[in-house]
């Protein structure tokens, strides 16, 4: 099943607990990224998503990867490797992350000189959570050849079994200063203005309620003594009048 986009577009309202799916035509499979950290770039909040190690794990660690064991599950490769022969016209191509990042130790024992680094060799995607816009994307892949002994060829009959690195690629994209400026002007500024208006109207509403309560309290305090004075005055004036009539 194919999931995800090419990484340039994503749905808005990105959450930290969701998976972002993308499809890589280079390795002929879908992959997902999980939340790694939050940071700010030029006062813009970004969420970093990375491809987790379990995506490359062997079948014993991640049974979902059994579908990539071609042609049968008996052909499963060690963790950190992906058989690419099916989408490369049968060529003995094996994909991995650069320097065999997240690969099993048996793979590192086959090839010397590898220095995997998560910061330098992982696949990452930095998204703005409100719009889902991509600000930074690093897609990295290493191309290896599945080598083995060939008894019918004299100089290859003792060739060791290994996964020989050929090259690794780093396809990167980043937002330019103009894109950052346009984003701030078209997204952040209206959002800040709307928030300011919202809180301003709320403050005015609270102030009006307080003023109305104060006016009601003052009105009751003023009218209550007047009623008492009127009653006392009426009582004092009627007493002499009634007594004179009697």
C-alpha atoms as a PDB file:
ATOM      1  CA  UNK A   1       0.000   0.000   0.000  1.00  0.00           C
ATOM      2  CA  UNK A   2       1.250   3.471  -0.865  1.00  0.00           C
ATOM      3  CA  UNK A   3       0.989   6.153   1.788  1.00  0.00           C
ATOM      4  CA  UNK A   4       2.063   9.741   2.074  1.00  0.00           C
ATOM      5  CA  UNK A   5       3.193  12.614  -0.096  1.00  0.00           C
ATOM      6  CA  UNK A   6       6.577  13.542  -1.514  1.00  0.00           C
ATOM      7  CA  UNK A   7       7.251  15.547   1.659  1.00  0.00           C
ATOM      8  CA  UNK A   8       6.651  18.992   0.166  1.00  0.00           C
ATOM      9  CA  UNK A   9       2.993  19.169   1.270  1.00  0.00           C
ATOM     10  CA  UNK A  10       1.279  17.996   4.420  1.00  0.00           C
ATOM     11  CA  UNK A  11      -2.135  18.531   6.024  1.00  0.00           C
ATOM     12  CA  UNK A  12      -2.496  21.501   8.385  1.00  0.00           C
ATOM     13  CA  UNK A  13      -2.796  21.361  12.172  1.00  0.00           C
ATOM     14  CA  UNK A  14       0.115  18.972  12.634  1.00  0.00           C
ATOM     15  CA  UNK A  15       0.132  17.290  16.059  1.00  0.00           C
ATOM     16  CA  UNK A  16       3.067  15.905  17.973  1.00  0.00           C
ATOM     17  CA  UNK A  17       1.489  12.475  18.400  1.00  0.00           C
ATOM     18  CA  UNK A  18       0.752  11.845  14.720  1.00  0.00           C
ATOM     19  CA  UNK A  19       2.794  10.111  12.046  1.00  0.00           C
ATOM     20  CA  UNK A  20       3.725  11.915   8.854  1.00  0.00           C
ATOM     21  CA  UNK A  21       3.802   9.595   5.864  1.00  0.00           C
ATOM     22  CA  UNK A  22       5.831  10.098   2.705  1.00  0.00           C
ATOM     23  CA  UNK A  23       6.576   7.990  -0.331  1.00  0.00           C
ATOM     24  CA  UNK A  24      10.125   7.700  -1.602  1.00  0.00           C
ATOM     25  CA  UNK A  25      10.437   6.719  -5.227  1.00  0.00           C
ATOM     26  CA  UNK A  26      14.157   6.075  -4.698  1.00  0.00           C
ATOM     27  CA  UNK A  27      13.583   3.090  -2.425  1.00  0.00           C
ATOM     28  CA  UNK A  28      10.123   2.255  -3.793  1.00  0.00           C
ATOM     29  CA  UNK A  29       8.330   2.271  -0.437  1.00  0.00           C
ATOM     30  CA  UNK A  30       6.382   4.436   1.962  1.00  0.00           C
ATOM     31  CA  UNK A  31       7.910   5.594   5.218  1.00  0.00           C
ATOM     32  CA  UNK A  32       6.622   7.427   8.226  1.00  0.00           C
ATOM     33  CA  UNK A  33       8.192  10.020  10.477  1.00  0.00           C
ATOM     34  CA  UNK A  34       7.547  10.607  14.169  1.00  0.00           C
ATOM     35  CA  UNK A  35       7.873  13.727  16.320  1.00  0.00           C
ATOM     36  CA  UNK A  36      11.380  14.421  17.609  1.00  0.00           C
ATOM     37  CA  UNK A  37      11.499  17.954  18.997  1.00  0.00           C
ATOM     38  CA  UNK A  38      10.122  21.500  18.821  1.00  0.00           C
ATOM     39  CA  UNK A  39      12.227  24.549  18.096  1.00  0.00           C
ATOM     40  CA  UNK A  40      11.972  28.058  16.665  1.00  0.00           C
ATOM     41  CA  UNK A  41      13.491  29.326  13.446  1.00  0.00           C
ATOM     42  CA  UNK A  42      13.394  33.103  13.000  1.00  0.00           C
ATOM     43  CA  UNK A  43      10.576  33.215  15.579  1.00  0.00           C
ATOM     44  CA  UNK A  44       8.554  30.566  13.708  1.00  0.00           C
ATOM     45  CA  UNK A  45       7.627  27.461  15.694  1.00  0.00           C
ATOM     46  CA  UNK A  46       8.602  24.240  13.935  1.00  0.00           C
ATOM     47  CA  UNK A  47       8.113  20.555  14.703  1.00  0.00           C
ATOM     48  CA  UNK A  48      10.916  18.198  13.699  1.00  0.00           C
ATOM     49  CA  UNK A  49       9.880  14.740  12.517  1.00  0.00           C
ATOM     50  CA  UNK A  50      12.383  11.952  11.871  1.00  0.00           C
ATOM     51  CA  UNK A  51      12.266   8.416  10.514  1.00  0.00           C
ATOM     52  CA  UNK A  52      12.480   6.108  13.568  1.00  0.00           C
ATOM     53  CA  UNK A  53      14.987   3.243  13.870  1.00  0.00           C
ATOM     54  CA  UNK A  54      12.203   0.628  13.967  1.00  0.00           C
ATOM     55  CA  UNK A  55      11.350   1.408  10.352  1.00  0.00           C
ATOM     56  CA  UNK A  56      14.652  -0.239   9.375  1.00  0.00           C
ATOM     57  CA  UNK A  57      14.583  -2.987  11.998  1.00  0.00           C
ATOM     58  CA  UNK A  58      14.843  -6.650  11.036  1.00  0.00           C
ATOM     59  CA  UNK A  59      11.771  -8.869  10.944  1.00  0.00           C
ATOM     60  CA  UNK A  60      12.305 -10.187  14.468  1.00  0.00           C
ATOM     61  CA  UNK A  61      12.142  -6.621  15.804  1.00  0.00           C
ATOM     62  CA  UNK A  62       9.499  -5.288  13.394  1.00  0.00           C
ATOM     63  CA  UNK A  63       7.297  -7.989  11.781  1.00  0.00           C
ATOM     64  CA  UNK A  64       5.755  -5.364   9.477  1.00  0.00           C
ATOM     65  CA  UNK A  65       8.976  -5.371   7.470  1.00  0.00           C
ATOM     66  CA  UNK A  66       8.381  -8.967   6.377  1.00  0.00           C
ATOM     67  CA  UNK A  67       6.637  -7.582   3.302  1.00  0.00           C
ATOM     68  CA  UNK A  68       9.952  -6.201   2.088  1.00  0.00           C
ATOM     69  CA  UNK A  69      11.677  -9.585   2.198  1.00  0.00           C
ATOM     70  CA  UNK A  70      11.691 -10.456  -1.499  1.00  0.00           C
ATOM     71  CA  UNK A  71      11.006 -12.814  -3.098  1.00  0.00           C
ATOM     72  CA  UNK A  72      10.265 -14.751   0.137  1.00  0.00           C
ATOM     73  CA  UNK A  73      10.683 -14.174   3.857  1.00  0.00           C
ATOM     74  CA  UNK A  74      13.737 -16.428   3.718  1.00  0.00           C
ATOM     75  CA  UNK A  75      15.495 -13.587   1.892  1.00  0.00           C
ATOM     76  CA  UNK A  76      15.146 -11.074   4.740  1.00  0.00           C
ATOM     77  CA  UNK A  77      18.183  -8.850   5.153  1.00  0.00           C
ATOM     78  CA  UNK A  78      19.709  -7.721   8.451  1.00  0.00           C
ATOM     79  CA  UNK A  79      18.258  -4.692  10.187  1.00  0.00           C
ATOM     80  CA  UNK A  80      19.002  -1.359   8.562  1.00  0.00           C
ATOM     81  CA  UNK A  81      18.933  -2.727   4.996  1.00  0.00           C
ATOM     82  CA  UNK A  82      16.237  -2.764   2.322  1.00  0.00           C
ATOM     83  CA  UNK A  83      16.302  -5.027  -0.706  1.00  0.00           C
ATOM     84  CA  UNK A  84      15.910  -2.788  -3.744  1.00  0.00           C
ATOM     85  CA  UNK A  85      16.327  -5.363  -6.491  1.00  0.00           C
ATOM     86  CA  UNK A  86      12.580  -5.586  -7.118  1.00  0.00           C
ATOM     87  CA  UNK A  87      12.357  -1.948  -8.167  1.00  0.00           C
ATOM     88  CA  UNK A  88      15.771  -1.784  -9.855  1.00  0.00           C
ATOM     89  CA  UNK A  89      15.191  -4.362 -12.607  1.00  0.00           C
ATOM     90  CA  UNK A  90      16.709  -7.205 -10.607  1.00  0.00           C
ATOM     91  CA  UNK A  91      20.035  -5.497  -9.910  1.00  0.00           C
ATOM     92  CA  UNK A  92      21.630  -6.530  -6.571  1.00  0.00           C
ATOM     93  CA  UNK A  93      20.934  -3.143  -5.013  1.00  0.00           C
ATOM     94  CA  UNK A  94      20.461  -2.728  -1.273  1.00  0.00           C
ATOM     95  CA  UNK A  95      19.372   0.545   0.286  1.00  0.00           C
ATOM     96  CA  UNK A  96      20.279   1.873   3.726  1.00  0.00           C
ATOM     97  CA  UNK A  97      20.826   5.103   5.560  1.00  0.00           C
ATOM     98  CA  UNK A  98      24.270   6.687   5.119  1.00  0.00           C
ATOM     99  CA  UNK A  99      27.087   4.899   6.944  1.00  0.00           C
ATOM    100  CA  UNK A 100      24.618   2.115   7.782  1.00  0.00           C
ATOM    101  CA  UNK A 101      22.850   4.199  10.428  1.00  0.00           C
ATOM    102  CA  UNK A 102      20.503   1.968  12.529  1.00  0.00           C
ATOM    103  CA  UNK A 103      21.914  -1.173  10.849  1.00  0.00           C
ATOM    104  CA  UNK A 104      22.637  -4.361  12.782  1.00  0.00           C
ATOM    105  CA  UNK A 105      26.161  -4.892  14.074  1.00  0.00           C
ATOM    106  CA  UNK A 106      26.714  -7.739  11.623  1.00  0.00           C
ATOM    107  CA  UNK A 107      26.484  -5.211   8.782  1.00  0.00           C
ATOM    108  CA  UNK A 108      29.086  -2.930  10.354  1.00  0.00           C
ATOM    109  CA  UNK A 109      31.378  -5.916  10.845  1.00  0.00           C
ATOM    110  CA  UNK A 110      31.309  -6.536   7.085  1.00  0.00           C
ATOM    111  CA  UNK A 111      32.474  -3.054   6.097  1.00  0.00           C
ATOM    112  CA  UNK A 112      35.016  -0.894   7.882  1.00  0.00           C
ATOM    113  CA  UNK A 113      35.307   2.862   8.013  1.00  0.00           C
ATOM    114  CA  UNK A 114      31.644   3.576   8.731  1.00  0.00           C
ATOM    115  CA  UNK A 115      30.870   6.407  11.166  1.00  0.00           C
ATOM    116  CA  UNK A 116      27.089   6.739  11.476  1.00  0.00           C
ATOM    117  CA  UNK A 117      25.769   9.958  12.997  1.00  0.00           C
ATOM    118  CA  UNK A 118      22.119  10.604  13.707  1.00  0.00           C
ATOM    119  CA  UNK A 119      22.389  14.356  13.112  1.00  0.00           C
ATOM    120  CA  UNK A 120      24.243  13.969   9.798  1.00  0.00           C
ATOM    121  CA  UNK A 121      22.655  10.834   8.340  1.00  0.00           C
ATOM    122  CA  UNK A 122      19.031  10.634   9.471  1.00  0.00           C
ATOM    123  CA  UNK A 123      15.973  11.564   7.406  1.00  0.00           C
ATOM    124  CA  UNK A 124      14.175  14.572   8.842  1.00  0.00           C
ATOM    125  CA  UNK A 125      11.306  16.877   8.088  1.00  0.00           C
ATOM    126  CA  UNK A 126      10.640  20.225   9.813  1.00  0.00           C
ATOM    127  CA  UNK A 127       7.038  21.379   9.568  1.00  0.00           C
ATOM    128  CA  UNK A 128       5.158  24.457  10.730  1.00  0.00           C
ATOM    129  CA  UNK A 129       2.310  22.941  12.803  1.00  0.00           C
ATOM    130  CA  UNK A 130      -0.485  25.360  11.856  1.00  0.00           C
ATOM    131  CA  UNK A 131      -0.181  25.097   8.077  1.00  0.00           C
ATOM    132  CA  UNK A 132       1.874  21.903   7.726  1.00  0.00           C
ATOM    133  CA  UNK A 133       4.292  23.795   5.472  1.00  0.00           C
ATOM    134  CA  UNK A 134       7.754  22.275   5.003  1.00  0.00           C
ATOM    135  CA  UNK A 135      10.625  24.502   6.097  1.00  0.00           C
ATOM    136  CA  UNK A 136      13.479  21.985   6.081  1.00  0.00           C
ATOM    137  CA  UNK A 137      13.686  18.529   4.515  1.00  0.00           C
ATOM    138  CA  UNK A 138      16.674  16.177   4.462  1.00  0.00           C
ATOM    139  CA  UNK A 139      16.191  12.922   2.552  1.00  0.00           C
ATOM    140  CA  UNK A 140      19.227  10.672   2.726  1.00  0.00           C
ATOM    141  CA  UNK A 141      19.878   7.231   1.264  1.00  0.00           C
ATOM    142  CA  UNK A 142      22.912   5.035   0.702  1.00  0.00           C
ATOM    143  CA  UNK A 143      23.200   2.703  -2.271  1.00  0.00           C
ATOM    144  CA  UNK A 144      24.995  -0.584  -1.655  1.00  0.00           C
ATOM    145  CA  UNK A 145      25.736  -3.667  -3.730  1.00  0.00           C
ATOM    146  CA  UNK A 146      24.939  -7.085  -2.345  1.00  0.00           C
ATOM    147  CA  UNK A 147      28.213  -8.919  -2.991  1.00  0.00           C
ATOM    148  CA  UNK A 148      28.861 -12.641  -2.596  1.00  0.00           C
ATOM    149  CA  UNK A 149      31.286 -15.294  -3.906  1.00  0.00           C
ATOM    150  CA  UNK A 150      30.912 -16.442  -7.523  1.00  0.00           C
ATOM    151  CA  UNK A 151      32.506 -19.904  -7.876  1.00  0.00           C
ATOM    152  CA  UNK A 152      32.217 -19.845 -11.657  1.00  0.00           C
ATOM    153  CA  UNK A 153      34.429 -16.731 -11.852  1.00  0.00           C
ATOM    154  CA  UNK A 154      37.949 -17.419 -10.718  1.00  0.00           C
ATOM    155  CA  UNK A 155      38.832 -13.997  -9.278  1.00  0.00           C
ATOM    156  CA  UNK A 156      35.449 -13.739  -7.515  1.00  0.00           C
ATOM    157  CA  UNK A 157      35.186 -17.211  -6.074  1.00  0.00           C
ATOM    158  CA  UNK A 158      36.631 -16.068  -2.745  1.00  0.00           C
ATOM    159  CA  UNK A 159      34.862 -12.704  -2.724  1.00  0.00           C
ATOM    160  CA  UNK A 160      33.416 -12.142   0.782  1.00  0.00           C
ATOM    161  CA  UNK A 161      29.726 -11.845   1.468  1.00  0.00           C
ATOM    162  CA  UNK A 162      29.035  -8.181   2.248  1.00  0.00           C
ATOM    163  CA  UNK A 163      26.996  -5.102   1.407  1.00  0.00           C
ATOM    164  CA  UNK A 164      29.456  -2.860  -0.384  1.00  0.00           C
ATOM    165  CA  UNK A 165      28.682   0.892  -0.205  1.00  0.00           C
ATOM    166  CA  UNK A 166      28.750   2.682  -3.546  1.00  0.00           C
ATOM    167  CA  UNK A 167      27.563   6.173  -2.655  1.00  0.00           C
ATOM    168  CA  UNK A 168      25.084   8.030  -0.483  1.00  0.00           C
ATOM    169  CA  UNK A 169      22.819  10.881  -1.443  1.00  0.00           C
ATOM    170  CA  UNK A 170      21.527  13.862   0.492  1.00  0.00           C
ATOM    171  CA  UNK A 171      18.543  15.657  -1.027  1.00  0.00           C
ATOM    172  CA  UNK A 172      17.904  18.752   1.047  1.00  0.00           C
ATOM    173  CA  UNK A 173      15.496  21.645   0.802  1.00  0.00           C
ATOM    174  CA  UNK A 174      15.160  24.680   3.036  1.00  0.00           C
ATOM    175  CA  UNK A 175      12.955  27.750   3.173  1.00  0.00           C
ATOM    176  CA  UNK A 176      14.569  30.868   1.762  1.00  0.00           C
ATOM    177  CA  UNK A 177      14.531  34.232   3.516  1.00  0.00           C
ATOM    178  CA  UNK A 178      11.802  35.398   1.146  1.00  0.00           C
ATOM    179  CA  UNK A 179       9.623  32.404   2.010  1.00  0.00           C
ATOM    180  CA  UNK A 180      10.126  33.070   5.724  1.00  0.00           C
ATOM    181  CA  UNK A 181       9.265  36.755   5.246  1.00  0.00           C
ATOM    182  CA  UNK A 182       6.145  35.947   3.224  1.00  0.00           C
ATOM    183  CA  UNK A 183       5.041  33.392   5.807  1.00  0.00           C
ATOM    184  CA  UNK A 184       5.359  35.902   8.629  1.00  0.00           C
ATOM    185  CA  UNK A 185       3.520  38.579   6.643  1.00  0.00           C
ATOM    186  CA  UNK A 186       0.694  36.379   5.351  1.00  0.00           C
ATOM    187  CA  UNK A 187       0.234  33.953   8.265  1.00  0.00           C
ATOM    188  CA  UNK A 188       1.794  35.141  11.503  1.00  0.00           C
ATOM    189  CA  UNK A 189       0.829  38.824  11.273  1.00  0.00           C
ATOM    190  CA  UNK A 190      -2.919  38.192  10.631  1.00  0.00           C
ATOM    191  CA  UNK A 191      -2.896  35.501  13.326  1.00  0.00           C
ATOM    192  CA  UNK A 192      -1.301  37.878  15.843  1.00  0.00           C
ATOM    193  CA  UNK A 193      -3.752  40.634  14.915  1.00  0.00           C
ATOM    194  CA  UNK A 194      -6.727  38.291  15.289  1.00  0.00           C
ATOM    195  CA  UNK A 195      -5.491  37.163  18.697  1.00  0.00           C
ATOM    196  CA  UNK A 196      -4.997  40.765  19.801  1.00  0.00           C
ATOM    197  CA  UNK A 197      -8.530  41.695  18.677  1.00  0.00           C
ATOM    198  CA  UNK A 198      -9.945  38.637  20.435  1.00  0.00           C
ATOM    199  CA  UNK A 199      -8.327  39.491  23.750  1.00  0.00           C
ATOM    200  CA  UNK A 200      -9.139  43.168  23.286  1.00  0.00           C
ATOM    201  CA  UNK A 201     -12.855  42.461  22.825  1.00  0.00           C
ATOM    202  CA  UNK A 202     -12.795  40.091  25.783  1.00  0.00           C
ATOM    203  CA  UNK A 203     -11.184  42.749  27.967  1.00  0.00           C
ATOM    204  CA  UNK A 204     -13.757  45.343  26.881  1.00  0.00           C
ATOM    205  CA  UNK A 205     -16.577  42.905  27.662  1.00  0.00           C
ATOM    206  CA  UNK A 206     -15.204  42.195  31.140  1.00  0.00           C
ATOM    207  CA  UNK A 207     -14.769  45.926  31.772  1.00  0.00           C
ATOM    208  CA  UNK A 208     -18.370  46.640  30.729  1.00  0.00           C
ATOM    209  CA  UNK A 209     -19.669  43.951  33.072  1.00  0.00           C
ATOM    210  CA  UNK A 210     -17.683  45.425  35.962  1.00  0.00           C
ATOM    211  CA  UNK A 211     -18.992  48.937  35.196  1.00  0.00           C
ATOM    212  CA  UNK A 212     -22.595  47.702  35.043  1.00  0.00           C
ATOM    213  CA  UNK A 213     -22.243  45.906  38.367  1.00  0.00           C
ATOM    214  CA  UNK A 214     -20.756  49.029  39.945  1.00  0.00           C
ATOM    215  CA  UNK A 215     -23.561  51.246  38.592  1.00  0.00           C
ATOM    216  CA  UNK A 216     -26.250  48.871  39.896  1.00  0.00           C
ATOM    217  CA  UNK A 217     -24.674  48.798  43.351  1.00  0.00           C
ATOM    218  CA  UNK A 218     -24.423  52.606  43.476  1.00  0.00           C
ATOM    219  CA  UNK A 219     -28.010  53.000  42.326  1.00  0.00           C
ATOM    220  CA  UNK A 220     -29.292  50.783  45.124  1.00  0.00           C
ATOM    221  CA  UNK A 221     -27.226  52.649  47.686  1.00  0.00           C
ATOM    222  CA  UNK A 222     -28.632  56.006  46.553  1.00  0.00           C
ATOM    223  CA  UNK A 223     -32.333  55.087  46.226  1.00  0.00           C
ATOM    224  CA  UNK A 224     -32.710  53.214  49.526  1.00  0.00           C
ATOM    225  CA  UNK A 225     -32.180  56.253  51.893  1.00  0.00           C
ATOM    226  CA  UNK A 226     -34.527  58.449  49.821  1.00  0.00           C
ATOM    227  CA  UNK A 227     -37.444  56.093  50.368  1.00  0.00           C
ATOM    228  CA  UNK A 228     -36.892  56.135  54.108  1.00  0.00           C
ATOM    229  CA  UNK A 229     -36.812  59.965  54.255  1.00  0.00           C
ATOM    230  CA  UNK A 230     -40.036  60.248  52.302  1.00  0.00           C
ATOM    231  CA  UNK A 231     -41.856  57.856  54.608  1.00  0.00           C
ATOM    232  CA  UNK A 232     -40.627  59.646  57.738  1.00  0.00           C
ATOM    233  CA  UNK A 233     -41.692  63.047  56.399  1.00  0.00           C
ATOM    234  CA  UNK A 234     -45.163  61.835  55.504  1.00  0.00           C
ATOM    235  CA  UNK A 235     -45.647  60.322  58.935  1.00  0.00           C
ATOM    236  CA  UNK A 236     -44.630  63.509  60.733  1.00  0.00           C
ATOM    237  CA  UNK A 237     -46.987  65.714  58.697  1.00  0.00           C
ATOM    238  CA  UNK A 238     -50.067  63.531  59.079  1.00  0.00           C
ATOM    239  CA  UNK A 239     -49.966  63.242  62.838  1.00  0.00           C
ATOM    240  CA  UNK A 240     -50.760  66.916  63.638  1.00  0.00           C
ATOM    241  CA  UNK A 241     -53.445  66.954  60.922  1.00  0.00           C
ATOM    242  CA  UNK A 242     -55.272  63.977  62.378  1.00  0.00           C
ATOM    243  CA  UNK A 243     -55.043  65.265  65.929  1.00  0.00           C
ATOM    244  CA  UNK A 244     -56.465  68.669  64.938  1.00  0.00           C
ATOM    245  CA  UNK A 245     -59.511  67.041  63.315  1.00  0.00           C
ATOM    246  CA  UNK A 246     -60.261  65.070  66.433  1.00  0.00           C
END
